[in-house]
N, C-alpha and C. Protein backbone atom coordinates (compact mmCIF):
# COMPACT_ATOMS: atom_id res chain seq x y z
N MET A 1 3.15 13.94 6.63
CA MET A 1 4.52 13.41 6.55
C MET A 1 4.51 12.00 5.96
N THR A 2 5.35 11.76 4.95
CA THR A 2 5.41 10.41 4.35
C THR A 2 6.46 9.61 5.00
N ALA A 3 6.16 8.33 5.21
CA ALA A 3 7.08 7.45 5.81
C ALA A 3 8.31 7.37 4.90
N PRO A 4 9.54 7.22 5.50
CA PRO A 4 10.77 7.28 4.76
C PRO A 4 10.83 6.20 3.65
N HIS A 5 10.33 5.03 3.88
CA HIS A 5 10.42 3.99 2.87
C HIS A 5 9.38 4.17 1.73
N LEU A 6 8.58 5.14 1.80
CA LEU A 6 7.60 5.47 0.73
C LEU A 6 7.93 6.74 -0.02
N LYS A 7 9.07 7.36 0.26
CA LYS A 7 9.41 8.64 -0.38
C LYS A 7 9.47 8.53 -1.91
N ASN A 8 10.01 7.40 -2.44
CA ASN A 8 10.16 7.34 -3.86
C ASN A 8 9.01 6.51 -4.50
N THR A 9 8.00 6.22 -3.79
CA THR A 9 6.85 5.50 -4.30
C THR A 9 5.91 6.48 -4.91
N GLN A 10 5.51 6.27 -6.12
CA GLN A 10 4.62 7.19 -6.80
C GLN A 10 3.13 6.68 -6.66
N PHE A 11 2.29 7.53 -6.23
CA PHE A 11 0.90 7.24 -6.07
C PHE A 11 0.11 7.98 -7.15
N PRO A 12 -1.14 7.60 -7.36
CA PRO A 12 -1.90 8.06 -8.48
C PRO A 12 -1.96 9.52 -8.63
N ASP A 13 -1.99 10.29 -7.52
CA ASP A 13 -2.15 11.74 -7.67
C ASP A 13 -0.83 12.50 -7.63
N THR A 14 0.30 11.74 -7.71
CA THR A 14 1.58 12.38 -7.74
C THR A 14 2.45 11.85 -8.82
N GLY A 15 3.56 12.44 -9.09
CA GLY A 15 4.47 11.90 -10.11
C GLY A 15 4.35 12.56 -11.48
N PRO A 16 5.29 12.24 -12.29
CA PRO A 16 5.39 12.94 -13.57
C PRO A 16 4.27 12.62 -14.54
N SER A 17 3.90 11.38 -14.70
CA SER A 17 2.83 11.07 -15.61
C SER A 17 2.15 9.78 -15.31
N ALA A 18 0.89 9.59 -15.62
CA ALA A 18 0.17 8.44 -15.30
C ALA A 18 0.72 7.20 -16.01
N THR A 19 1.38 7.41 -17.17
CA THR A 19 1.86 6.23 -17.88
C THR A 19 3.03 5.58 -17.21
N THR A 20 3.72 6.24 -16.29
CA THR A 20 4.85 5.67 -15.55
C THR A 20 4.47 5.08 -14.28
N LEU A 21 3.22 5.19 -13.85
CA LEU A 21 2.74 4.70 -12.58
C LEU A 21 2.32 3.25 -12.65
N ARG A 22 2.57 2.53 -11.57
CA ARG A 22 2.08 1.19 -11.43
C ARG A 22 0.57 1.21 -11.12
N ARG A 23 -0.15 0.35 -11.71
CA ARG A 23 -1.59 0.26 -11.40
C ARG A 23 -1.85 -0.64 -10.18
N LEU A 24 -1.16 -1.79 -10.15
CA LEU A 24 -1.32 -2.80 -9.04
C LEU A 24 -0.03 -3.30 -8.55
N TYR A 25 0.09 -3.54 -7.30
CA TYR A 25 1.26 -4.15 -6.65
C TYR A 25 0.93 -5.57 -6.21
N THR A 26 1.94 -6.47 -6.36
CA THR A 26 1.79 -7.81 -5.92
C THR A 26 1.93 -7.87 -4.37
N VAL A 27 1.63 -9.03 -3.75
CA VAL A 27 1.82 -9.20 -2.37
C VAL A 27 3.28 -8.95 -1.99
N GLU A 28 4.16 -9.54 -2.72
CA GLU A 28 5.59 -9.36 -2.44
C GLU A 28 6.01 -7.89 -2.48
N GLU A 29 5.53 -7.14 -3.46
CA GLU A 29 5.81 -5.71 -3.60
C GLU A 29 5.26 -4.96 -2.40
N ALA A 30 4.05 -5.26 -2.03
CA ALA A 30 3.39 -4.60 -0.88
C ALA A 30 4.13 -4.87 0.39
N LEU A 31 4.68 -6.13 0.57
CA LEU A 31 5.49 -6.49 1.70
C LEU A 31 6.69 -5.52 1.81
N THR A 32 7.36 -5.36 0.68
CA THR A 32 8.55 -4.51 0.62
C THR A 32 8.23 -3.04 0.88
N ILE A 33 7.15 -2.56 0.21
CA ILE A 33 6.76 -1.14 0.40
C ILE A 33 6.41 -0.81 1.82
N LEU A 34 5.61 -1.77 2.43
CA LEU A 34 5.11 -1.48 3.81
C LEU A 34 6.04 -1.97 4.88
N ASN A 35 7.04 -2.79 4.48
CA ASN A 35 8.01 -3.33 5.43
C ASN A 35 7.31 -4.07 6.59
N VAL A 36 6.40 -4.95 6.26
CA VAL A 36 5.66 -5.79 7.19
C VAL A 36 5.85 -7.26 6.81
N SER A 37 5.54 -8.16 7.73
CA SER A 37 5.60 -9.59 7.48
C SER A 37 4.39 -10.00 6.69
N ARG A 38 4.50 -11.19 6.07
CA ARG A 38 3.42 -11.75 5.26
C ARG A 38 2.18 -11.92 6.18
N SER A 39 2.37 -12.48 7.40
CA SER A 39 1.28 -12.67 8.27
C SER A 39 0.59 -11.41 8.69
N THR A 40 1.37 -10.29 8.89
CA THR A 40 0.76 -9.03 9.24
C THR A 40 -0.06 -8.52 8.09
N LEU A 41 0.51 -8.62 6.86
CA LEU A 41 -0.23 -8.17 5.67
C LEU A 41 -1.58 -8.86 5.55
N TYR A 42 -1.57 -10.16 5.69
CA TYR A 42 -2.82 -10.93 5.52
C TYR A 42 -3.77 -10.60 6.70
N ARG A 43 -3.25 -10.42 7.90
CA ARG A 43 -4.09 -10.07 9.04
C ARG A 43 -4.79 -8.70 8.80
N GLU A 44 -4.03 -7.76 8.27
CA GLU A 44 -4.62 -6.45 8.01
C GLU A 44 -5.64 -6.52 6.87
N MET A 45 -5.43 -7.36 5.89
CA MET A 45 -6.45 -7.53 4.83
C MET A 45 -7.73 -8.17 5.44
N ARG A 46 -7.61 -9.21 6.26
CA ARG A 46 -8.76 -9.82 6.87
C ARG A 46 -9.54 -8.85 7.77
N ALA A 47 -8.82 -8.00 8.41
CA ALA A 47 -9.44 -6.99 9.30
C ALA A 47 -10.07 -5.83 8.45
N GLY A 48 -9.86 -5.76 7.18
CA GLY A 48 -10.43 -4.71 6.37
C GLY A 48 -9.65 -3.41 6.42
N ARG A 49 -8.47 -3.48 7.03
CA ARG A 49 -7.64 -2.22 7.15
C ARG A 49 -6.80 -1.97 5.86
N LEU A 50 -6.56 -3.04 5.13
CA LEU A 50 -5.76 -2.90 3.90
C LEU A 50 -6.66 -3.45 2.80
N VAL A 51 -7.10 -2.63 1.83
CA VAL A 51 -8.01 -3.07 0.77
C VAL A 51 -7.16 -3.79 -0.31
N ARG A 52 -7.69 -4.90 -0.78
CA ARG A 52 -7.01 -5.65 -1.81
C ARG A 52 -7.95 -5.78 -3.05
N VAL A 53 -7.31 -6.12 -4.15
CA VAL A 53 -8.05 -6.40 -5.38
C VAL A 53 -7.77 -7.86 -5.69
N LYS A 54 -8.81 -8.63 -5.90
CA LYS A 54 -8.73 -10.07 -6.20
C LYS A 54 -9.10 -10.30 -7.69
N ARG A 55 -8.27 -11.05 -8.36
CA ARG A 55 -8.70 -11.51 -9.73
C ARG A 55 -8.31 -12.97 -9.74
N GLY A 56 -9.31 -13.83 -9.74
CA GLY A 56 -9.01 -15.27 -9.61
C GLY A 56 -8.32 -15.56 -8.32
N ARG A 57 -7.13 -16.16 -8.40
CA ARG A 57 -6.37 -16.45 -7.19
C ARG A 57 -5.31 -15.36 -6.88
N SER A 58 -5.26 -14.36 -7.73
CA SER A 58 -4.19 -13.32 -7.50
C SER A 58 -4.69 -12.23 -6.59
N THR A 59 -3.87 -11.81 -5.64
CA THR A 59 -4.19 -10.72 -4.79
C THR A 59 -3.24 -9.53 -5.16
N ARG A 60 -3.83 -8.34 -5.39
CA ARG A 60 -3.08 -7.14 -5.78
C ARG A 60 -3.53 -5.98 -4.89
N PHE A 61 -2.71 -4.96 -4.89
CA PHE A 61 -3.01 -3.75 -4.13
C PHE A 61 -2.84 -2.50 -5.06
N THR A 62 -3.80 -1.60 -4.96
CA THR A 62 -3.64 -0.33 -5.66
C THR A 62 -2.73 0.58 -4.90
N PRO A 63 -2.05 1.51 -5.60
CA PRO A 63 -1.22 2.49 -4.89
C PRO A 63 -2.08 3.29 -3.85
N ALA A 64 -3.33 3.63 -4.21
CA ALA A 64 -4.21 4.35 -3.33
C ALA A 64 -4.45 3.56 -2.02
N ALA A 65 -4.68 2.24 -2.16
CA ALA A 65 -4.96 1.36 -0.95
C ALA A 65 -3.74 1.35 -0.08
N ILE A 66 -2.57 1.29 -0.62
CA ILE A 66 -1.32 1.30 0.20
C ILE A 66 -1.16 2.67 0.88
N ALA A 67 -1.40 3.76 0.12
CA ALA A 67 -1.32 5.06 0.74
C ALA A 67 -2.33 5.28 1.83
N GLU A 68 -3.53 4.76 1.66
CA GLU A 68 -4.58 4.88 2.72
C GLU A 68 -4.20 4.13 3.94
N TYR A 69 -3.59 2.98 3.73
CA TYR A 69 -3.18 2.15 4.91
C TYR A 69 -2.06 2.88 5.65
N VAL A 70 -1.12 3.42 4.99
CA VAL A 70 -0.04 4.19 5.62
C VAL A 70 -0.62 5.40 6.39
N THR A 71 -1.59 6.09 5.81
CA THR A 71 -2.25 7.20 6.42
C THR A 71 -2.95 6.75 7.70
N LEU A 72 -3.61 5.61 7.62
CA LEU A 72 -4.23 5.01 8.80
C LEU A 72 -3.27 4.77 9.93
N LEU A 73 -2.15 4.15 9.60
CA LEU A 73 -1.13 3.92 10.56
C LEU A 73 -0.53 5.16 11.17
N GLU A 74 -0.34 6.17 10.35
CA GLU A 74 0.15 7.48 10.83
C GLU A 74 -0.86 8.10 11.82
N GLN A 75 -2.15 8.06 11.48
CA GLN A 75 -3.21 8.54 12.32
C GLN A 75 -3.25 7.84 13.69
N GLU A 76 -3.11 6.54 13.62
CA GLU A 76 -3.16 5.72 14.87
C GLU A 76 -1.93 5.98 15.75
N SER A 77 -0.77 6.33 15.14
CA SER A 77 0.39 6.59 15.92
C SER A 77 0.52 8.04 16.37
N GLY A 78 -0.43 8.92 15.87
CA GLY A 78 -0.39 10.29 16.21
C GLY A 78 0.57 11.12 15.37
N ALA A 79 1.17 10.52 14.30
CA ALA A 79 2.14 11.16 13.51
C ALA A 79 1.49 12.09 12.47
N ALA A 80 0.26 11.91 12.16
CA ALA A 80 -0.31 12.71 11.08
C ALA A 80 -0.79 14.05 11.59
């Protein structure tokens, strides 16, 4: 079951074509997609529960990392 706020989010293995998919999301975009606070997002990154991609000072998230984090939350809540 997909979380309601993720229904229109395209992940690498879904959607019409790879050319229309986002490769990386910014912190602000991840906050919106996951509907969490900035402090929660950074706490989950430090704990290793949400995988990030770093390039210089920039932090980004792959669609797969976001999907895996949502799956983890669903499993922990017993929803999966």
